[in-house]
Amino acid sequence: VPPKIATPSLLTSGSGSSLTPLVNFYSKLPKGPASAVSGGGIKARF
């Protein structure tokens, strides 16, 4: 769970520089469609 960085007081005060940790967190998340799940086990292989 990401930390609570985007509090209402920060969003309404207009200082966007304090939101950089939140932007960095979400920029590291994967983009695009999810990759196909390759299941393991005997049933999935055979």
All heavy atoms as atom14 arrays in JSON, in Angstrom:
{
  "sequence": "VPPKIATPSLLTSGSGSSLTPLVNFYSKLPKGPASAVSGGGIKARF",
  "atom14_mask": [
    [1, 1, 1, 1, 1, 1, 1, 0, 0, 0, 0, 0, 0, 0],
    [1, 1, 1, 1, 1, 1, 1, 0, 0, 0, 0, 0, 0, 0],
    [1, 1, 1, 1, 1, 1, 1, 0, 0, 0, 0, 0, 0, 0],
    [1, 1, 1, 1, 1, 1, 1, 1, 1, 0, 0, 0, 0, 0],
    [1, 1, 1, 1, 1, 1, 1, 1, 0, 0, 0, 0, 0, 0],
    [1, 1, 1, 1, 1, 0, 0, 0, 0, 0, 0, 0, 0, 0],
    [1, 1, 1, 1, 1, 1, 1, 0, 0, 0, 0, 0, 0, 0],
    [1, 1, 1, 1, 1, 1, 1, 0, 0, 0, 0, 0, 0, 0],
    [1, 1, 1, 1, 1, 1, 0, 0, 0, 0, 0, 0, 0, 0],
    [1, 1, 1, 1, 1, 1, 1, 1, 0, 0, 0, 0, 0, 0],
    [1, 1, 1, 1, 1, 1, 1, 1, 0, 0, 0, 0, 0, 0],
    [1, 1, 1, 1, 1, 1, 1, 0, 0, 0, 0, 0, 0, 0],
    [1, 1, 1, 1, 1, 1, 0, 0, 0, 0, 0, 0, 0, 0],
    [1, 1, 1, 1, 0, 0, 0, 0, 0, 0, 0, 0, 0, 0],
    [1, 1, 1, 1, 1, 1, 0, 0, 0, 0, 0, 0, 0, 0],
    [1, 1, 1, 1, 0, 0, 0, 0, 0, 0, 0, 0, 0, 0],
    [1, 1, 1, 1, 1, 1, 0, 0, 0, 0, 0, 0, 0, 0],
    [1, 1, 1, 1, 1, 1, 0, 0, 0, 0, 0, 0, 0, 0],
    [1, 1, 1, 1, 1, 1, 1, 1, 0, 0, 0, 0, 0, 0],
    [1, 1, 1, 1, 1, 1, 1, 0, 0, 0, 0, 0, 0, 0],
    [1, 1, 1, 1, 1, 1, 1, 0, 0, 0, 0, 0, 0, 0],
    [1, 1, 1, 1, 1, 1, 1, 1, 0, 0, 0, 0, 0, 0],
    [1, 1, 1, 1, 1, 1, 1, 0, 0, 0, 0, 0, 0, 0],
    [1, 1, 1, 1, 1, 1, 1, 1, 0, 0, 0, 0, 0, 0],
    [1, 1, 1, 1, 1, 1, 1, 1, 1, 1, 1, 0, 0, 0],
    [1, 1, 1, 1, 1, 1, 1, 1, 1, 1, 1, 1, 0, 0],
    [1, 1, 1, 1, 1, 1, 0, 0, 0, 0, 0, 0, 0, 0],
    [1, 1, 1, 1, 1, 1, 1, 1, 1, 0, 0, 0, 0, 0],
    [1, 1, 1, 1, 1, 1, 1, 1, 0, 0, 0, 0, 0, 0],
    [1, 1, 1, 1, 1, 1, 1, 0, 0, 0, 0, 0, 0, 0],
    [1, 1, 1, 1, 1, 1, 1, 1, 1, 0, 0, 0, 0, 0],
    [1, 1, 1, 1, 0, 0, 0, 0, 0, 0, 0, 0, 0, 0],
    [1, 1, 1, 1, 1, 1, 1, 0, 0, 0, 0, 0, 0, 0],
    [1, 1, 1, 1, 1, 0, 0, 0, 0, 0, 0, 0, 0, 0],
    [1, 1, 1, 1, 1, 1, 0, 0, 0, 0, 0, 0, 0, 0],
    [1, 1, 1, 1, 1, 0, 0, 0, 0, 0, 0, 0, 0, 0],
    [1, 1, 1, 1, 1, 1, 1, 0, 0, 0, 0, 0, 0, 0],
    [1, 1, 1, 1, 1, 1, 0, 0, 0, 0, 0, 0, 0, 0],
    [1, 1, 1, 1, 0, 0, 0, 0, 0, 0, 0, 0, 0, 0],
    [1, 1, 1, 1, 0, 0, 0, 0, 0, 0, 0, 0, 0, 0],
    [1, 1, 1, 1, 0, 0, 0, 0, 0, 0, 0, 0, 0, 0],
    [1, 1, 1, 1, 1, 1, 1, 1, 0, 0, 0, 0, 0, 0],
    [1, 1, 1, 1, 1, 1, 1, 1, 1, 0, 0, 0, 0, 0],
    [1, 1, 1, 1, 1, 0, 0, 0, 0, 0, 0, 0, 0, 0],
    [1, 1, 1, 1, 1, 1, 1, 1, 1, 1, 1, 0, 0, 0],
    [1, 1, 1, 1, 1, 1, 1, 1, 1, 1, 1, 0, 0, 0]
  ],
  "atom14_positions": [
    [[0.86, -1.18, 0.0], [0.0, 0.0, 0.0], [0.89, 1.23, 0.0], [1.78, 1.35, 0.85], [-0.93, 0.0, 1.23], [-1.77, 1.25, 1.28], [-1.8, -1.24, 1.23], [0.0, 0.0, 0.0], [0.0, 0.0, 0.0], [0.0, 0.0, 0.0], [0.0, 0.0, 0.0], [0.0, 0.0, 0.0], [0.0, 0.0, 0.0], [0.0, 0.0, 0.0]],
    [[0.72, 2.14, -0.96], [1.59, 3.31, -0.99], [1.36, 4.19, 0.24], [0.26, 4.21, 0.8], [1.17, 4.03, -2.28], [-0.18, 3.56, -2.56], [-0.27, 2.16, -2.01], [0.0, 0.0, 0.0], [0.0, 0.0, 0.0], [0.0, 0.0, 0.0], [0.0, 0.0, 0.0], [0.0, 0.0, 0.0], [0.0, 0.0, 0.0], [0.0, 0.0, 0.0]],
    [[2.38, 4.91, 0.65], [2.22, 5.79, 1.81], [1.24, 6.92, 1.51], [1.04, 7.29, 0.36], [3.63, 6.31, 2.05], [4.33, 6.15, 0.76], [3.7, 4.96, 0.08], [0.0, 0.0, 0.0], [0.0, 0.0, 0.0], [0.0, 0.0, 0.0], [0.0, 0.0, 0.0], [0.0, 0.0, 0.0], [0.0, 0.0, 0.0], [0.0, 0.0, 0.0]],
    [[0.67, 7.44, 2.57], [-0.32, 8.51, 2.39], [0.4, 9.84, 2.22], [0.59, 10.59, 3.16], [-1.27, 8.55, 3.58], [-2.15, 7.35, 3.68], [-3.13, 7.5, 4.81], [-4.04, 6.29, 4.86], [-5.06, 6.41, 5.84], [0.0, 0.0, 0.0], [0.0, 0.0, 0.0], [0.0, 0.0, 0.0], [0.0, 0.0, 0.0], [0.0, 0.0, 0.0]],
    [[0.81, 10.09, 0.99], [1.55, 11.32, 0.7], [0.59, 12.4, 0.21], [0.75, 13.57, 0.52], [2.65, 11.04, -0.34], [3.63, 10.05, 0.23], [3.36, 12.31, -0.74], [4.65, 9.57, -0.75], [0.0, 0.0, 0.0], [0.0, 0.0, 0.0], [0.0, 0.0, 0.0], [0.0, 0.0, 0.0], [0.0, 0.0, 0.0], [0.0, 0.0, 0.0]],
    [[-0.42, 12.0, -0.55], [-1.34, 12.96, -1.14], [-2.46, 13.27, -0.16], [-3.59, 12.84, -0.31], [-1.91, 12.42, -2.44], [0.0, 0.0, 0.0], [0.0, 0.0, 0.0], [0.0, 0.0, 0.0], [0.0, 0.0, 0.0], [0.0, 0.0, 0.0], [0.0, 0.0, 0.0], [0.0, 0.0, 0.0], [0.0, 0.0, 0.0], [0.0, 0.0, 0.0]],
    [[-2.15, 14.03, 0.86], [-3.17, 14.43, 1.83], [-3.94, 15.62, 1.26], [-3.44, 16.35, 0.39], [-2.51, 14.83, 3.16], [-1.61, 15.9, 2.92], [-1.77, 13.65, 3.77], [0.0, 0.0, 0.0], [0.0, 0.0, 0.0], [0.0, 0.0, 0.0], [0.0, 0.0, 0.0], [0.0, 0.0, 0.0], [0.0, 0.0, 0.0], [0.0, 0.0, 0.0]],
    [[-5.15, 15.83, 1.72], [-5.94, 16.96, 1.19], [-5.27, 18.32, 1.38], [-5.38, 19.21, 0.54], [-7.25, 16.89, 1.98], [-7.35, 15.47, 2.41], [-5.94, 15.0, 2.62], [0.0, 0.0, 0.0], [0.0, 0.0, 0.0], [0.0, 0.0, 0.0], [0.0, 0.0, 0.0], [0.0, 0.0, 0.0], [0.0, 0.0, 0.0], [0.0, 0.0, 0.0]],
    [[-4.5, 18.49, 2.46], [-3.86, 19.79, 2.67], [-2.77, 20.05, 1.63], [-2.57, 21.17, 1.2], [-3.27, 19.86, 4.09], [-2.28, 18.87, 4.24], [0.0, 0.0, 0.0], [0.0, 0.0, 0.0], [0.0, 0.0, 0.0], [0.0, 0.0, 0.0], [0.0, 0.0, 0.0], [0.0, 0.0, 0.0], [0.0, 0.0, 0.0], [0.0, 0.0, 0.0]],
    [[-2.05, 19.0, 1.22], [-1.03, 19.18, 0.2], [-1.64, 19.46, -1.16], [-1.09, 20.23, -1.97], [-0.13, 17.95, 0.11], [0.85, 17.73, 1.25], [1.56, 16.41, 1.07], [1.85, 18.86, 1.29], [0.0, 0.0, 0.0], [0.0, 0.0, 0.0], [0.0, 0.0, 0.0], [0.0, 0.0, 0.0], [0.0, 0.0, 0.0], [0.0, 0.0, 0.0]],
    [[-2.76, 18.82, -1.45], [-3.38, 19.0, -2.76], [-4.0, 20.38, -2.91], [-4.0, 20.96, -3.99], [-4.42, 17.93, -3.0], [-3.89, 16.5, -3.11], [-5.04, 15.52, -3.23], [-2.95, 16.38, -4.29], [0.0, 0.0, 0.0], [0.0, 0.0, 0.0], [0.0, 0.0, 0.0], [0.0, 0.0, 0.0], [0.0, 0.0, 0.0], [0.0, 0.0, 0.0]],
    [[-4.54, 20.93, -1.84], [-5.2, 22.23, -1.93], [-4.23, 23.38, -1.77], [-4.52, 24.49, -2.17], [-6.31, 22.35, -0.87], [-5.73, 22.14, 0.42], [-7.41, 21.35, -1.12], [0.0, 0.0, 0.0], [0.0, 0.0, 0.0], [0.0, 0.0, 0.0], [0.0, 0.0, 0.0], [0.0, 0.0, 0.0], [0.0, 0.0, 0.0], [0.0, 0.0, 0.0]],
    [[-3.05, 23.14, -1.18], [-2.11, 24.25, -0.95], [-1.38, 24.66, -2.22], [-0.81, 25.74, -2.29], [-1.1, 23.89, 0.13], [-0.27, 22.84, -0.33], [0.0, 0.0, 0.0], [0.0, 0.0, 0.0], [0.0, 0.0, 0.0], [0.0, 0.0, 0.0], [0.0, 0.0, 0.0], [0.0, 0.0, 0.0], [0.0, 0.0, 0.0], [0.0, 0.0, 0.0]],
    [[-1.34, 23.79, -3.22], [-0.72, 24.15, -4.48], [0.74, 23.78, -4.61], [1.35, 24.02, -5.63], [0.0, 0.0, 0.0], [0.0, 0.0, 0.0], [0.0, 0.0, 0.0], [0.0, 0.0, 0.0], [0.0, 0.0, 0.0], [0.0, 0.0, 0.0], [0.0, 0.0, 0.0], [0.0, 0.0, 0.0], [0.0, 0.0, 0.0], [0.0, 0.0, 0.0]],
    [[1.35, 23.21, -3.58], [2.77, 22.83, -3.69], [2.83, 21.41, -4.26], [2.56, 20.44, -3.56], [3.46, 22.9, -2.33], [2.99, 21.89, -1.48], [0.0, 0.0, 0.0], [0.0, 0.0, 0.0], [0.0, 0.0, 0.0], [0.0, 0.0, 0.0], [0.0, 0.0, 0.0], [0.0, 0.0, 0.0], [0.0, 0.0, 0.0], [0.0, 0.0, 0.0]],
    [[3.19, 21.3, -5.52], [3.26, 20.01, -6.17], [4.58, 19.3, -5.95], [4.73, 18.14, -6.27], [0.0, 0.0, 0.0], [0.0, 0.0, 0.0], [0.0, 0.0, 0.0], [0.0, 0.0, 0.0], [0.0, 0.0, 0.0], [0.0, 0.0, 0.0], [0.0, 0.0, 0.0], [0.0, 0.0, 0.0], [0.0, 0.0, 0.0], [0.0, 0.0, 0.0]],
    [[5.56, 19.99, -5.42], [6.88, 19.38, -5.23], [6.86, 18.3, -4.16], [7.69, 17.39, -4.18], [7.9, 20.45, -4.87], [7.56, 21.02, -3.62], [0.0, 0.0, 0.0], [0.0, 0.0, 0.0], [0.0, 0.0, 0.0], [0.0, 0.0, 0.0], [0.0, 0.0, 0.0], [0.0, 0.0, 0.0], [0.0, 0.0, 0.0], [0.0, 0.0, 0.0]],
    [[5.92, 18.38, -3.23], [5.87, 17.37, -2.17], [5.22, 16.07, -2.66], [5.23, 15.07, -1.96], [5.13, 17.91, -0.96], [3.81, 18.23, -1.33], [0.0, 0.0, 0.0], [0.0, 0.0, 0.0], [0.0, 0.0, 0.0], [0.0, 0.0, 0.0], [0.0, 0.0, 0.0], [0.0, 0.0, 0.0], [0.0, 0.0, 0.0], [0.0, 0.0, 0.0]],
    [[4.66, 16.09, -3.86], [4.06, 14.88, -4.42], [5.04, 14.05, -5.23], [4.67, 13.03, -5.8], [2.86, 15.24, -5.3], [1.64, 15.81, -4.58], [0.57, 16.17, -5.57], [1.12, 14.83, -3.57], [0.0, 0.0, 0.0], [0.0, 0.0, 0.0], [0.0, 0.0, 0.0], [0.0, 0.0, 0.0], [0.0, 0.0, 0.0], [0.0, 0.0, 0.0]],
    [[6.29, 14.44, -5.32], [7.27, 13.7, -6.12], [7.46, 12.26, -5.65], [7.61, 11.37, -6.49], [8.61, 14.43, -6.15], [9.04, 14.67, -4.81], [8.52, 15.72, -6.92], [0.0, 0.0, 0.0], [0.0, 0.0, 0.0], [0.0, 0.0, 0.0], [0.0, 0.0, 0.0], [0.0, 0.0, 0.0], [0.0, 0.0, 0.0], [0.0, 0.0, 0.0]],
    [[7.45, 11.95, -4.33], [7.55, 10.53, -3.97], [6.38, 9.69, -4.49], [6.56, 8.56, -4.92], [7.56, 10.53, -2.44], [8.0, 11.89, -2.05], [7.52, 12.8, -3.14], [0.0, 0.0, 0.0], [0.0, 0.0, 0.0], [0.0, 0.0, 0.0], [0.0, 0.0, 0.0], [0.0, 0.0, 0.0], [0.0, 0.0, 0.0], [0.0, 0.0, 0.0]],
    [[5.18, 10.27, -4.49], [4.01, 9.56, -5.0], [4.12, 9.37, -6.51], [3.84, 8.29, -7.03], [2.73, 10.32, -4.66], [1.43, 9.65, -5.05], [1.25, 8.37, -4.24], [0.27, 10.57, -4.83], [0.0, 0.0, 0.0], [0.0, 0.0, 0.0], [0.0, 0.0, 0.0], [0.0, 0.0, 0.0], [0.0, 0.0, 0.0], [0.0, 0.0, 0.0]],
    [[4.6, 10.38, -7.22], [4.77, 10.28, -8.67], [5.84, 9.25, -8.99], [5.69, 8.44, -9.91], [5.12, 11.67, -9.26], [5.51, 11.55, -10.72], [3.94, 12.61, -9.09], [0.0, 0.0, 0.0], [0.0, 0.0, 0.0], [0.0, 0.0, 0.0], [0.0, 0.0, 0.0], [0.0, 0.0, 0.0], [0.0, 0.0, 0.0], [0.0, 0.0, 0.0]],
    [[6.92, 9.23, -8.22], [7.98, 8.24, -8.43], [7.46, 6.83, -8.19], [7.82, 5.9, -8.92], [9.17, 8.51, -7.52], [9.93, 9.74, -7.94], [9.85, 10.15, -9.09], [10.64, 10.34, -7.01], [0.0, 0.0, 0.0], [0.0, 0.0, 0.0], [0.0, 0.0, 0.0], [0.0, 0.0, 0.0], [0.0, 0.0, 0.0], [0.0, 0.0, 0.0]],
    [[6.63, 6.66, -7.17], [6.08, 5.34, -6.88], [5.23, 4.83, -8.04], [5.4, 3.71, -8.51], [5.23, 5.39, -5.6], [4.5, 4.12, -5.32], [5.15, 3.04, -4.76], [3.15, 3.99, -5.62], [4.49, 1.85, -4.5], [2.48, 2.81, -5.37], [3.16, 1.74, -4.8], [0.0, 0.0, 0.0], [0.0, 0.0, 0.0], [0.0, 0.0, 0.0]],
    [[4.34, 5.68, -8.54], [3.45, 5.25, -9.62], [4.16, 5.17, -10.97], [3.73, 4.45, -11.85], [2.22, 6.15, -9.7], [1.22, 5.82, -8.64], [1.03, 6.64, -7.54], [0.48, 4.65, -8.7], [0.13, 6.33, -6.55], [-0.43, 4.31, -7.71], [-0.59, 5.16, -6.64], [-1.49, 4.83, -5.67], [0.0, 0.0, 0.0], [0.0, 0.0, 0.0]],
    [[5.25, 5.88, -11.15], [5.97, 5.79, -12.42], [6.75, 4.48, -12.52], [7.09, 4.06, -13.62], [6.92, 6.97, -12.58], [7.93, 6.91, -11.59], [0.0, 0.0, 0.0], [0.0, 0.0, 0.0], [0.0, 0.0, 0.0], [0.0, 0.0, 0.0], [0.0, 0.0, 0.0], [0.0, 0.0, 0.0], [0.0, 0.0, 0.0], [0.0, 0.0, 0.0]],
    [[7.04, 3.83, -11.4], [7.77, 2.56, -11.42], [6.85, 1.36, -11.67], [7.34, 0.27, -11.92], [8.51, 2.35, -10.1], [9.64, 3.34, -9.89], [10.28, 3.15, -8.55], [11.31, 4.23, -8.29], [11.86, 4.15, -6.94], [0.0, 0.0, 0.0], [0.0, 0.0, 0.0], [0.0, 0.0, 0.0], [0.0, 0.0, 0.0], [0.0, 0.0, 0.0]],
    [[5.55, 1.56, -11.6], [4.61, 0.46, -11.84], [4.63, 0.07, -13.31], [4.85, 0.91, -14.18], [3.2, 0.86, -11.43], [3.0, 1.08, -9.93], [1.58, 1.57, -9.66], [3.26, -0.17, -9.15], [0.0, 0.0, 0.0], [0.0, 0.0, 0.0], [0.0, 0.0, 0.0], [0.0, 0.0, 0.0], [0.0, 0.0, 0.0], [0.0, 0.0, 0.0]],
    [[4.4, -1.2, -13.64], [4.41, -1.62, -15.04], [3.26, -1.0, -15.82], [2.18, -0.79, -15.29], [4.27, -3.14, -14.97], [3.78, -3.44, -13.61], [4.17, -2.31, -12.72], [0.0, 0.0, 0.0], [0.0, 0.0, 0.0], [0.0, 0.0, 0.0], [0.0, 0.0, 0.0], [0.0, 0.0, 0.0], [0.0, 0.0, 0.0], [0.0, 0.0, 0.0]],
    [[3.53, -0.73, -17.08], [2.53, -0.1, -17.95], [2.09, -1.08, -19.03], [2.83, -1.98, -19.4], [3.12, 1.15, -18.59], [3.46, 2.22, -17.57], [4.33, 3.28, -18.18], [4.74, 4.32, -17.18], [5.55, 3.8, -16.1], [0.0, 0.0, 0.0], [0.0, 0.0, 0.0], [0.0, 0.0, 0.0], [0.0, 0.0, 0.0], [0.0, 0.0, 0.0]],
    [[0.9, -0.91, -19.53], [0.4, -1.75, -20.6], [-0.39, -2.93, -20.06], [-0.63, -3.06, -18.87], [0.0, 0.0, 0.0], [0.0, 0.0, 0.0], [0.0, 0.0, 0.0], [0.0, 0.0, 0.0], [0.0, 0.0, 0.0], [0.0, 0.0, 0.0], [0.0, 0.0, 0.0], [0.0, 0.0, 0.0], [0.0, 0.0, 0.0], [0.0, 0.0, 0.0]],
    [[-0.81, -3.81, -20.97], [-1.61, -4.96, -20.54], [-0.77, -5.95, -19.74], [0.45, -6.04, -19.9], [-2.08, -5.58, -21.85], [-1.08, -5.14, -22.86], [-0.61, -3.78, -22.42], [0.0, 0.0, 0.0], [0.0, 0.0, 0.0], [0.0, 0.0, 0.0], [0.0, 0.0, 0.0], [0.0, 0.0, 0.0], [0.0, 0.0, 0.0], [0.0, 0.0, 0.0]],
    [[-1.44, -6.68, -18.9], [-0.76, -7.68, -18.07], [-0.27, -8.83, -18.94], [-0.88, -9.19, -19.94], [-1.72, -8.21, -17.0], [0.0, 0.0, 0.0], [0.0, 0.0, 0.0], [0.0, 0.0, 0.0], [0.0, 0.0, 0.0], [0.0, 0.0, 0.0], [0.0, 0.0, 0.0], [0.0, 0.0, 0.0], [0.0, 0.0, 0.0], [0.0, 0.0, 0.0]],
    [[0.87, -9.38, -18.57], [1.42, -10.49, -19.33], [0.61, -11.75, -19.08], [-0.08, -11.87, -18.07], [2.88, -10.73, -18.94], [2.95, -11.06, -17.56], [0.0, 0.0, 0.0], [0.0, 0.0, 0.0], [0.0, 0.0, 0.0], [0.0, 0.0, 0.0], [0.0, 0.0, 0.0], [0.0, 0.0, 0.0], [0.0, 0.0, 0.0], [0.0, 0.0, 0.0]],
    [[0.69, -12.68, -20.0], [-0.06, -13.93, -19.87], [0.49, -14.73, -18.7], [1.71, -14.85, -18.52], [0.05, -14.74, -21.15], [0.0, 0.0, 0.0], [0.0, 0.0, 0.0], [0.0, 0.0, 0.0], [0.0, 0.0, 0.0], [0.0, 0.0, 0.0], [0.0, 0.0, 0.0], [0.0, 0.0, 0.0], [0.0, 0.0, 0.0], [0.0, 0.0, 0.0]],
    [[-0.4, -15.29, -17.93], [-0.01, -16.06, -16.76], [0.36, -17.46, -17.22], [-0.43, -18.16, -17.86], [-1.16, -16.13, -15.73], [-0.77, -16.99, -14.56], [-1.53, -14.74, -15.28], [0.0, 0.0, 0.0], [0.0, 0.0, 0.0], [0.0, 0.0, 0.0], [0.0, 0.0, 0.0], [0.0, 0.0, 0.0], [0.0, 0.0, 0.0], [0.0, 0.0, 0.0]],
    [[1.58, -17.87, -16.93], [1.99, -19.22, -17.28], [1.87, -20.07, -16.02], [2.67, -19.95, -15.1], [3.42, -19.23, -17.8], [4.3, -18.77, -16.81], [0.0, 0.0, 0.0], [0.0, 0.0, 0.0], [0.0, 0.0, 0.0], [0.0, 0.0, 0.0], [0.0, 0.0, 0.0], [0.0, 0.0, 0.0], [0.0, 0.0, 0.0], [0.0, 0.0, 0.0]],
    [[0.85, -20.9, -15.99], [0.61, -21.73, -14.84], [1.59, -22.88, -14.76], [2.1, -23.36, -15.76], [0.0, 0.0, 0.0], [0.0, 0.0, 0.0], [0.0, 0.0, 0.0], [0.0, 0.0, 0.0], [0.0, 0.0, 0.0], [0.0, 0.0, 0.0], [0.0, 0.0, 0.0], [0.0, 0.0, 0.0], [0.0, 0.0, 0.0], [0.0, 0.0, 0.0]],
    [[1.88, -23.29, -13.59], [2.79, -24.4, -13.41], [2.01, -25.67, -13.08], [0.79, -25.69, -13.08], [0.0, 0.0, 0.0], [0.0, 0.0, 0.0], [0.0, 0.0, 0.0], [0.0, 0.0, 0.0], [0.0, 0.0, 0.0], [0.0, 0.0, 0.0], [0.0, 0.0, 0.0], [0.0, 0.0, 0.0], [0.0, 0.0, 0.0], [0.0, 0.0, 0.0]],
    [[2.7, -26.69, -12.85], [2.07, -27.93, -12.47], [1.89, -28.87, -13.64], [2.12, -28.54, -14.8], [0.0, 0.0, 0.0], [0.0, 0.0, 0.0], [0.0, 0.0, 0.0], [0.0, 0.0, 0.0], [0.0, 0.0, 0.0], [0.0, 0.0, 0.0], [0.0, 0.0, 0.0], [0.0, 0.0, 0.0], [0.0, 0.0, 0.0], [0.0, 0.0, 0.0]],
    [[1.46, -30.05, -13.32], [1.31, -31.11, -14.32], [0.18, -30.79, -15.28], [0.31, -30.96, -16.5], [1.1, -32.46, -13.63], [2.37, -32.84, -12.89], [0.72, -33.54, -14.62], [2.24, -34.06, -12.03], [0.0, 0.0, 0.0], [0.0, 0.0, 0.0], [0.0, 0.0, 0.0], [0.0, 0.0, 0.0], [0.0, 0.0, 0.0], [0.0, 0.0, 0.0]],
    [[-0.94, -30.32, -14.76], [-2.09, -30.05, -15.62], [-1.77, -28.97, -16.65], [-2.11, -29.09, -17.82], [-3.29, -29.64, -14.79], [-4.53, -29.44, -15.62], [-5.72, -29.06, -14.8], [-6.89, -28.83, -15.71], [-7.97, -28.13, -15.07], [0.0, 0.0, 0.0], [0.0, 0.0, 0.0], [0.0, 0.0, 0.0], [0.0, 0.0, 0.0], [0.0, 0.0, 0.0]],
    [[-1.11, -27.92, -16.22], [-0.8, -26.83, -17.14], [0.22, -27.25, -18.19], [0.17, -26.81, -19.33], [-0.27, -25.63, -16.36], [0.0, 0.0, 0.0], [0.0, 0.0, 0.0], [0.0, 0.0, 0.0], [0.0, 0.0, 0.0], [0.0, 0.0, 0.0], [0.0, 0.0, 0.0], [0.0, 0.0, 0.0], [0.0, 0.0, 0.0], [0.0, 0.0, 0.0]],
    [[1.16, -28.12, -17.83], [2.19, -28.52, -18.79], [1.69, -29.52, -19.81], [2.08, -29.48, -20.97], [3.39, -29.12, -18.05], [4.29, -28.07, -17.47], [5.6, -28.68, -17.07], [5.36, -29.74, -16.1], [6.29, -30.4, -15.47], [7.54, -30.15, -15.71], [5.99, -31.33, -14.6], [0.0, 0.0, 0.0], [0.0, 0.0, 0.0], [0.0, 0.0, 0.0]],
    [[0.85, -30.47, -19.4], [0.5, -31.57, -20.29], [-0.92, -31.53, -20.83], [-1.18, -32.03, -21.92], [0.71, -32.9, -19.57], [2.14, -33.16, -19.22], [2.54, -33.24, -17.91], [3.09, -33.32, -20.21], [3.85, -33.48, -17.59], [4.41, -33.55, -19.91], [4.8, -33.63, -18.59], [0.0, 0.0, 0.0], [0.0, 0.0, 0.0], [0.0, 0.0, 0.0]]
  ]
}
